[in-house]
C-alpha cells in the first residue's frame, strides 16, 4: 500500500468542513528498488547492540547476576 494523497481539514462543532488544505504535493513518490545481491551478510545496522559495548561494571554484573531463563524453556525441561 502506498500513500498517494493527503489533505487536512478543520471542522466546526457540527462536523462541517470549515477549512481544508491539500498536502499531496509534499508526498515524494519514489519507485522501490530491488536489491539483487547483498555483500555484507551481517551488517552493523542489523546488530541489536549497534556496536555498543558494556562498561566494565555492567560486564561484571552480567557475570554475577545472569539472566533467568524464559518460562517456556523451564517448562520444557
PDB file of N, CA and C in Angstrom:
ATOM      1  N   UNK A   1       0.855  -1.165   0.000  1.00  0.00           N
ATOM      2  CA  UNK A   1       0.000   0.000   0.000  1.00  0.00           C
ATOM      3  C   UNK A   1       0.903   1.231   0.000  1.00  0.00           C
ATOM      4  N   UNK A   2       0.504   2.228  -0.728  1.00  0.00           N
ATOM      5  CA  UNK A   2       1.305   3.427  -0.855  1.00  0.00           C
ATOM      6  C   UNK A   2       0.421   4.654  -0.672  1.00  0.00           C
ATOM      7  N   UNK A   3       0.917   5.619   0.062  1.00  0.00           N
ATOM      8  CA  UNK A   3       0.201   6.870   0.285  1.00  0.00           C
ATOM      9  C   UNK A   3       0.299   7.708  -0.980  1.00  0.00           C
ATOM     10  N   UNK A   4      -0.847   8.076  -1.542  1.00  0.00           N
ATOM     11  CA  UNK A   4      -0.844   8.838  -2.788  1.00  0.00           C
ATOM     12  C   UNK A   4      -1.399  10.244  -2.631  1.00  0.00           C
ATOM     13  N   UNK A   5      -2.237  10.468  -1.620  1.00  0.00           N
ATOM     14  CA  UNK A   5      -2.766  11.811  -1.400  1.00  0.00           C
ATOM     15  C   UNK A   5      -3.111  11.977   0.073  1.00  0.00           C
ATOM     16  N   UNK A   6      -3.095  13.237   0.485  1.00  0.00           N
ATOM     17  CA  UNK A   6      -3.435  13.551   1.874  1.00  0.00           C
ATOM     18  C   UNK A   6      -3.983  14.974   1.922  1.00  0.00           C
ATOM     19  N   UNK A   7      -4.964  15.174   2.780  1.00  0.00           N
ATOM     20  CA  UNK A   7      -5.497  16.518   2.956  1.00  0.00           C
ATOM     21  C   UNK A   7      -5.821  16.723   4.428  1.00  0.00           C
ATOM     22  N   UNK A   8      -5.721  17.957   4.857  1.00  0.00           N
ATOM     23  CA  UNK A   8      -6.035  18.312   6.238  1.00  0.00           C
ATOM     24  C   UNK A   8      -7.290  19.173   6.227  1.00  0.00           C
ATOM     25  N   UNK A   9      -8.174  18.920   7.181  1.00  0.00           N
ATOM     26  CA  UNK A   9      -9.407  19.701   7.263  1.00  0.00           C
ATOM     27  C   UNK A   9      -9.611  20.199   8.683  1.00  0.00           C
ATOM     28  N   UNK A  10     -10.270  21.336   8.800  1.00  0.00           N
ATOM     29  CA  UNK A  10     -10.722  21.856  10.089  1.00  0.00           C
ATOM     30  C   UNK A  10     -12.239  21.796  10.063  1.00  0.00           C
ATOM     31  N   UNK A  11     -12.819  21.265  11.126  1.00  0.00           N
ATOM     32  CA  UNK A  11     -14.271  21.139  11.189  1.00  0.00           C
ATOM     33  C   UNK A  11     -14.809  21.953  12.355  1.00  0.00           C
ATOM     34  N   UNK A  12     -16.087  22.325  12.247  1.00  0.00           N
ATOM     35  CA  UNK A  12     -16.734  23.028  13.354  1.00  0.00           C
ATOM     36  C   UNK A  12     -17.435  22.011  14.251  1.00  0.00           C
ATOM     37  N   UNK A  13     -18.189  22.487  15.214  1.00  0.00           N
ATOM     38  CA  UNK A  13     -18.852  21.595  16.168  1.00  0.00           C
ATOM     39  C   UNK A  13     -19.895  20.699  15.512  1.00  0.00           C
ATOM     40  N   UNK A  14     -20.396  21.086  14.351  1.00  0.00           N
ATOM     41  CA  UNK A  14     -21.369  20.269  13.616  1.00  0.00           C
ATOM     42  C   UNK A  14     -20.688  19.354  12.592  1.00  0.00           C
ATOM     43  N   UNK A  15     -19.372  19.275  12.664  1.00  0.00           N
ATOM     44  CA  UNK A  15     -18.552  18.479  11.749  1.00  0.00           C
ATOM     45  C   UNK A  15     -18.657  18.922  10.299  1.00  0.00           C
ATOM     46  N   UNK A  16     -18.941  20.195  10.088  1.00  0.00           N
ATOM     47  CA  UNK A  16     -18.900  20.776   8.750  1.00  0.00           C
ATOM     48  C   UNK A  16     -17.473  21.236   8.485  1.00  0.00           C
ATOM     49  N   UNK A  17     -16.993  21.022   7.271  1.00  0.00           N
ATOM     50  CA  UNK A  17     -15.630  21.420   6.926  1.00  0.00           C
ATOM     51  C   UNK A  17     -15.573  22.936   6.815  1.00  0.00           C
ATOM     52  N   UNK A  18     -14.725  23.537   7.629  1.00  0.00           N
ATOM     53  CA  UNK A  18     -14.549  24.984   7.641  1.00  0.00           C
ATOM     54  C   UNK A  18     -13.382  25.377   6.741  1.00  0.00           C
ATOM     55  N   UNK A  19     -12.322  24.593   6.787  1.00  0.00           N
ATOM     56  CA  UNK A  19     -11.128  24.878   6.003  1.00  0.00           C
ATOM     57  C   UNK A  19     -10.482  23.553   5.622  1.00  0.00           C
ATOM     58  N   UNK A  20      -9.872  23.527   4.450  1.00  0.00           N
ATOM     59  CA  UNK A  20      -9.167  22.314   4.053  1.00  0.00           C
ATOM     60  C   UNK A  20      -7.931  22.684   3.265  1.00  0.00           C
ATOM     61  N   UNK A  21      -6.950  21.799   3.314  1.00  0.00           N
ATOM     62  CA  UNK A  21      -5.705  22.034   2.600  1.00  0.00           C
ATOM     63  C   UNK A  21      -5.218  20.710   2.025  1.00  0.00           C
ATOM     64  N   UNK A  22      -4.853  20.728   0.759  1.00  0.00           N
ATOM     65  CA  UNK A  22      -4.333  19.535   0.101  1.00  0.00           C
ATOM     66  C   UNK A  22      -2.821  19.484   0.326  1.00  0.00           C
ATOM     67  N   UNK A  23      -2.341  18.415   0.924  1.00  0.00           N
ATOM     68  CA  UNK A  23      -0.920  18.264   1.228  1.00  0.00           C
ATOM     69  C   UNK A  23      -0.252  17.223   0.330  1.00  0.00           C
ATOM     70  N   UNK A  24      -0.901  16.844  -0.742  1.00  0.00           N
ATOM     71  CA  UNK A  24      -0.376  15.796  -1.619  1.00  0.00           C
ATOM     72  C   UNK A  24       0.939  16.183  -2.282  1.00  0.00           C
ATOM     73  N   UNK A  25       1.175  17.462  -2.466  1.00  0.00           N
ATOM     74  CA  UNK A  25       2.413  17.882  -3.130  1.00  0.00           C
ATOM     75  C   UNK A  25       3.642  17.598  -2.266  1.00  0.00           C
ATOM     76  N   UNK A  26       3.457  17.347  -0.971  1.00  0.00           N
ATOM     77  CA  UNK A  26       4.572  17.066  -0.076  1.00  0.00           C
ATOM     78  C   UNK A  26       4.949  15.585  -0.053  1.00  0.00           C
ATOM     79  N   UNK A  27       4.188  14.750  -0.726  1.00  0.00           N
ATOM     80  CA  UNK A  27       4.487  13.319  -0.775  1.00  0.00           C
ATOM     81  C   UNK A  27       5.446  13.076  -1.930  1.00  0.00           C
ATOM     82  N   UNK A  28       6.603  12.528  -1.610  1.00  0.00           N
ATOM     83  CA  UNK A  28       7.543  12.207  -2.684  1.00  0.00           C
ATOM     84  C   UNK A  28       7.276  10.778  -3.133  1.00  0.00           C
ATOM     85  N   UNK A  29       7.074  10.631  -4.406  1.00  0.00           N
ATOM     86  CA  UNK A  29       6.788   9.312  -4.966  1.00  0.00           C
ATOM     87  C   UNK A  29       8.097   8.748  -5.490  1.00  0.00           C
ATOM     88  N   UNK A  30       8.517   7.661  -4.880  1.00  0.00           N
ATOM     89  CA  UNK A  30       9.758   7.018  -5.284  1.00  0.00           C
ATOM     90  C   UNK A  30       9.463   5.575  -5.660  1.00  0.00           C
ATOM     91  N   UNK A  31      10.135   5.119  -6.668  1.00  0.00           N
ATOM     92  CA  UNK A  31       9.976   3.728  -7.054  1.00  0.00           C
ATOM     93  C   UNK A  31      10.867   2.878  -6.164  1.00  0.00           C
ATOM     94  N   UNK A  32      10.362   1.722  -5.796  1.00  0.00           N
ATOM     95  CA  UNK A  32      11.145   0.847  -4.935  1.00  0.00           C
ATOM     96  C   UNK A  32      12.289   0.217  -5.716  1.00  0.00           C
ATOM     97  N   UNK A  33      13.331  -0.099  -5.001  1.00  0.00           N
ATOM     98  CA  UNK A  33      14.499  -0.714  -5.597  1.00  0.00           C
ATOM     99  C   UNK A  33      14.636  -2.130  -5.067  1.00  0.00           C
ATOM    100  N   UNK A  34      14.825  -3.059  -5.950  1.00  0.00           N
ATOM    101  CA  UNK A  34      15.016  -4.455  -5.557  1.00  0.00           C
ATOM    102  C   UNK A  34      16.509  -4.745  -5.612  1.00  0.00           C
ATOM    103  N   UNK A  35      17.049  -5.199  -4.499  1.00  0.00           N
ATOM    104  CA  UNK A  35      18.472  -5.498  -4.425  1.00  0.00           C
ATOM    105  C   UNK A  35      18.688  -6.948  -4.836  1.00  0.00           C
ATOM    106  N   UNK A  36      19.544  -7.141  -5.815  1.00  0.00           N
ATOM    107  CA  UNK A  36      19.811  -8.488  -6.303  1.00  0.00           C
ATOM    108  C   UNK A  36      20.789  -9.234  -5.409  1.00  0.00           C
ATOM    109  N   UNK A  37      21.788  -8.532  -4.862  1.00  0.00           N
ATOM    110  CA  UNK A  37      22.831  -9.187  -4.086  1.00  0.00           C
ATOM    111  C   UNK A  37      23.227  -8.289  -2.923  1.00  0.00           C
ATOM    112  N   UNK A  38      23.418  -8.902  -1.769  1.00  0.00           N
ATOM    113  CA  UNK A  38      23.863  -8.173  -0.588  1.00  0.00           C
ATOM    114  C   UNK A  38      25.277  -8.627  -0.278  1.00  0.00           C
ATOM    115  N   UNK A  39      26.210  -7.672  -0.187  1.00  0.00           N
ATOM    116  CA  UNK A  39      27.606  -8.028   0.049  1.00  0.00           C
ATOM    117  C   UNK A  39      27.859  -8.453   1.491  1.00  0.00           C
ATOM    118  N   UNK A  40      27.367  -7.671   2.441  1.00  0.00           N
ATOM    119  CA  UNK A  40      27.605  -7.980   3.850  1.00  0.00           C
ATOM    120  C   UNK A  40      26.469  -8.857   4.365  1.00  0.00           C
ATOM    121  N   UNK A  41      26.825  -9.988   4.945  1.00  0.00           N
ATOM    122  CA  UNK A  41      25.796 -10.876   5.471  1.00  0.00           C
ATOM    123  C   UNK A  41      25.354 -10.470   6.864  1.00  0.00           C
ATOM    124  N   UNK A  42      26.177  -9.733   7.597  1.00  0.00           N
ATOM    125  CA  UNK A  42      25.834  -9.311   8.950  1.00  0.00           C
ATOM    126  C   UNK A  42      26.192  -7.835   9.129  1.00  0.00           C
ATOM    127  N   UNK A  43      25.404  -6.934   8.561  1.00  0.00           N
ATOM    128  CA  UNK A  43      25.737  -5.513   8.679  1.00  0.00           C
ATOM    129  C   UNK A  43      25.595  -5.020  10.119  1.00  0.00           C
ATOM    130  N   UNK A  44      26.335  -3.970  10.450  1.00  0.00           N
ATOM    131  CA  UNK A  44      26.306  -3.416  11.807  1.00  0.00           C
ATOM    132  C   UNK A  44      24.916  -2.911  12.173  1.00  0.00           C
ATOM    133  N   UNK A  45      24.158  -2.443  11.201  1.00  0.00           N
ATOM    134  CA  UNK A  45      22.813  -1.932  11.488  1.00  0.00           C
ATOM    135  C   UNK A  45      21.866  -3.042  11.908  1.00  0.00           C
ATOM    136  N   UNK A  46      22.193  -4.292  11.581  1.00  0.00           N
ATOM    137  CA  UNK A  46      21.346  -5.419  11.945  1.00  0.00           C
ATOM    138  C   UNK A  46      21.718  -5.980  13.318  1.00  0.00           C
ATOM    139  N   UNK A  47      22.717  -5.399  13.951  1.00  0.00           N
ATOM    140  CA  UNK A  47      23.175  -5.844  15.262  1.00  0.00           C
ATOM    141  C   UNK A  47      22.398  -5.083  16.327  1.00  0.00           C
ATOM    142  N   UNK A  48      21.711  -5.769  17.236  1.00  0.00           N
ATOM    143  CA  UNK A  48      20.901  -5.066  18.231  1.00  0.00           C
ATOM    144  C   UNK A  48      21.712  -4.182  19.170  1.00  0.00           C
ATOM    145  N   UNK A  49      23.005  -4.440  19.323  1.00  0.00           N
ATOM    146  CA  UNK A  49      23.824  -3.600  20.202  1.00  0.00           C
ATOM    147  C   UNK A  49      24.303  -2.351  19.481  1.00  0.00           C
ATOM    148  N   UNK A  50      24.183  -2.337  18.167  1.00  0.00           N
ATOM    149  CA  UNK A  50      24.622  -1.214  17.331  1.00  0.00           C
ATOM    150  C   UNK A  50      26.076  -0.850  17.586  1.00  0.00           C
ATOM    151  N   UNK A  51      26.906  -1.856  17.880  1.00  0.00           N
ATOM    152  CA  UNK A  51      28.327  -1.627  18.080  1.00  0.00           C
ATOM    153  C   UNK A  51      28.686  -1.129  19.466  1.00  0.00           C
ATOM    154  N   UNK A  52      27.715  -1.016  20.364  1.00  0.00           N
ATOM    155  CA  UNK A  52      27.999  -0.547  21.716  1.00  0.00           C
ATOM    156  C   UNK A  52      28.513  -1.701  22.556  1.00  0.00           C
ATOM    157  N   UNK A  53      29.345  -1.379  23.533  1.00  0.00           N
ATOM    158  CA  UNK A  53      29.880  -2.405  24.422  1.00  0.00           C
ATOM    159  C   UNK A  53      29.522  -2.059  25.852  1.00  0.00           C
ATOM    160  N   UNK A  54      29.462  -3.085  26.699  1.00  0.00           N
ATOM    161  CA  UNK A  54      29.157  -2.880  28.110  1.00  0.00           C
ATOM    162  C   UNK A  54      30.354  -2.270  28.821  1.00  0.00           C
ATOM    163  N   UNK A  55      30.077  -1.482  29.853  1.00  0.00           N
ATOM    164  CA  UNK A  55      31.156  -0.976  30.694  1.00  0.00           C
ATOM    165  C   UNK A  55      31.681  -2.129  31.529  1.00  0.00           C
ATOM    166  N   UNK A  56      32.830  -1.939  32.149  1.00  0.00           N
ATOM    167  CA  UNK A  56      33.419  -2.996  32.976  1.00  0.00           C
ATOM    168  C   UNK A  56      32.474  -3.363  34.111  1.00  0.00           C
ATOM    169  N   UNK A  57      31.827  -2.354  34.707  1.00  0.00           N
ATOM    170  CA  UNK A  57      30.899  -2.602  35.817  1.00  0.00           C
ATOM    171  C   UNK A  57      29.699  -3.426  35.337  1.00  0.00           C
ATOM    172  N   UNK A  58      29.146  -3.074  34.195  1.00  0.00           N
ATOM    173  CA  UNK A  58      27.991  -3.794  33.663  1.00  0.00           C
ATOM    174  C   UNK A  58      28.370  -5.216  33.270  1.00  0.00           C
ATOM    175  N   UNK A  59      29.565  -5.382  32.722  1.00  0.00           N
ATOM    176  CA  UNK A  59      30.017  -6.712  32.336  1.00  0.00           C
ATOM    177  C   UNK A  59      30.197  -7.600  33.567  1.00  0.00           C
ATOM    178  N   UNK A  60      30.749  -7.041  34.652  1.00  0.00           N
ATOM    179  CA  UNK A  60      30.921  -7.800  35.893  1.00  0.00           C
ATOM    180  C   UNK A  60      29.565  -8.181  36.474  1.00  0.00           C
ATOM    181  N   UNK A  61      28.611  -7.260  36.429  1.00  0.00           N
ATOM    182  CA  UNK A  61      27.275  -7.542  36.955  1.00  0.00           C
ATOM    183  C   UNK A  61      26.584  -8.634  36.131  1.00  0.00           C
ATOM    184  N   UNK A  62      26.817  -8.623  34.842  1.00  0.00           N
ATOM    185  CA  UNK A  62      26.224  -9.632  33.971  1.00  0.00           C
ATOM    186  C   UNK A  62      26.729 -11.026  34.350  1.00  0.00           C
ATOM    187  N   UNK A  63      27.999 -11.112  34.761  1.00  0.00           N
ATOM    188  CA  UNK A  63      28.572 -12.402  35.143  1.00  0.00           C
ATOM    189  C   UNK A  63      28.068 -12.857  36.506  1.00  0.00           C
ATOM    190  N   UNK A  64      27.871 -11.924  37.438  1.00  0.00           N
ATOM    191  CA  UNK A  64      27.437 -12.306  38.786  1.00  0.00           C
ATOM    192  C   UNK A  64      25.932 -12.463  38.887  1.00  0.00           C
ATOM    193  N   UNK A  65      25.178 -11.823  38.010  1.00  0.00           N
ATOM    194  CA  UNK A  65      23.713 -11.898  38.023  1.00  0.00           C
ATOM    195  C   UNK A  65      23.222 -12.301  36.638  1.00  0.00           C
ATOM    196  N   UNK A  66      23.362 -13.572  36.260  1.00  0.00           N
ATOM    197  CA  UNK A  66      22.936 -13.977  34.911  1.00  0.00           C
ATOM    198  C   UNK A  66      21.423 -13.862  34.753  1.00  0.00           C
ATOM    199  N   UNK A  67      20.998 -13.702  33.517  1.00  0.00           N
ATOM    200  CA  UNK A  67      19.570 -13.599  33.221  1.00  0.00           C
ATOM    201  C   UNK A  67      18.879 -14.917  33.530  1.00  0.00           C
ATOM    202  N   UNK A  68      17.661 -14.817  34.017  1.00  0.00           N
ATOM    203  CA  UNK A  68      16.874 -16.017  34.272  1.00  0.00           C
ATOM    204  C   UNK A  68      16.378 -16.561  32.945  1.00  0.00           C
ATOM    205  N   UNK A  69      16.272 -17.880  32.856  1.00  0.00           N
ATOM    206  CA  UNK A  69      15.787 -18.497  31.626  1.00  0.00           C
ATOM    207  C   UNK A  69      14.307 -18.195  31.455  1.00  0.00           C
ATOM    208  N   UNK A  70      13.889 -18.165  30.226  1.00  0.00           N
ATOM    209  CA  UNK A  70      12.482 -17.903  29.921  1.00  0.00           C
ATOM    210  C   UNK A  70      11.621 -19.022  30.487  1.00  0.00           C
ATOM    211  N   UNK A  71      10.403 -18.699  30.832  1.00  0.00           N
ATOM    212  CA  UNK A  71       9.492 -19.660  31.443  1.00  0.00           C
ATOM    213  C   UNK A  71       9.240 -20.851  30.516  1.00  0.00           C
ATOM    214  N   UNK A  72       9.144 -20.622  29.220  1.00  0.00           N
ATOM    215  CA  UNK A  72       8.900 -21.701  28.266  1.00  0.00           C
ATOM    216  C   UNK A  72      10.048 -22.705  28.285  1.00  0.00           C
ATOM    217  N   UNK A  73      11.290 -22.206  28.410  1.00  0.00           N
ATOM    218  CA  UNK A  73      12.444 -23.097  28.457  1.00  0.00           C
ATOM    219  C   UNK A  73      12.417 -23.940  29.726  1.00  0.00           C
ATOM    220  N   UNK A  74      12.020 -23.338  30.855  1.00  0.00           N
ATOM    221  CA  UNK A  74      11.959 -24.062  32.121  1.00  0.00           C
ATOM    222  C   UNK A  74      10.873 -25.128  32.072  1.00  0.00           C
ATOM    223  N   UNK A  75       9.739 -24.816  31.452  1.00  0.00           N
ATOM    224  CA  UNK A  75       8.633 -25.770  31.362  1.00  0.00           C
ATOM    225  C   UNK A  75       8.982 -26.951  30.455  1.00  0.00           C
ATOM    226  N   UNK A  76       9.834 -26.712  29.477  1.00  0.00           N
ATOM    227  CA  UNK A  76      10.198 -27.762  28.530  1.00  0.00           C
ATOM    228  C   UNK A  76      11.075 -28.827  29.181  1.00  0.00           C
ATOM    229  N   UNK A  77      11.764 -28.475  30.264  1.00  0.00           N
ATOM    230  CA  UNK A  77      12.676 -29.429  30.920  1.00  0.00           C
ATOM    231  C   UNK A  77      11.964 -30.432  31.726  1.00  0.00           C
TER     232      UNK A  77
END
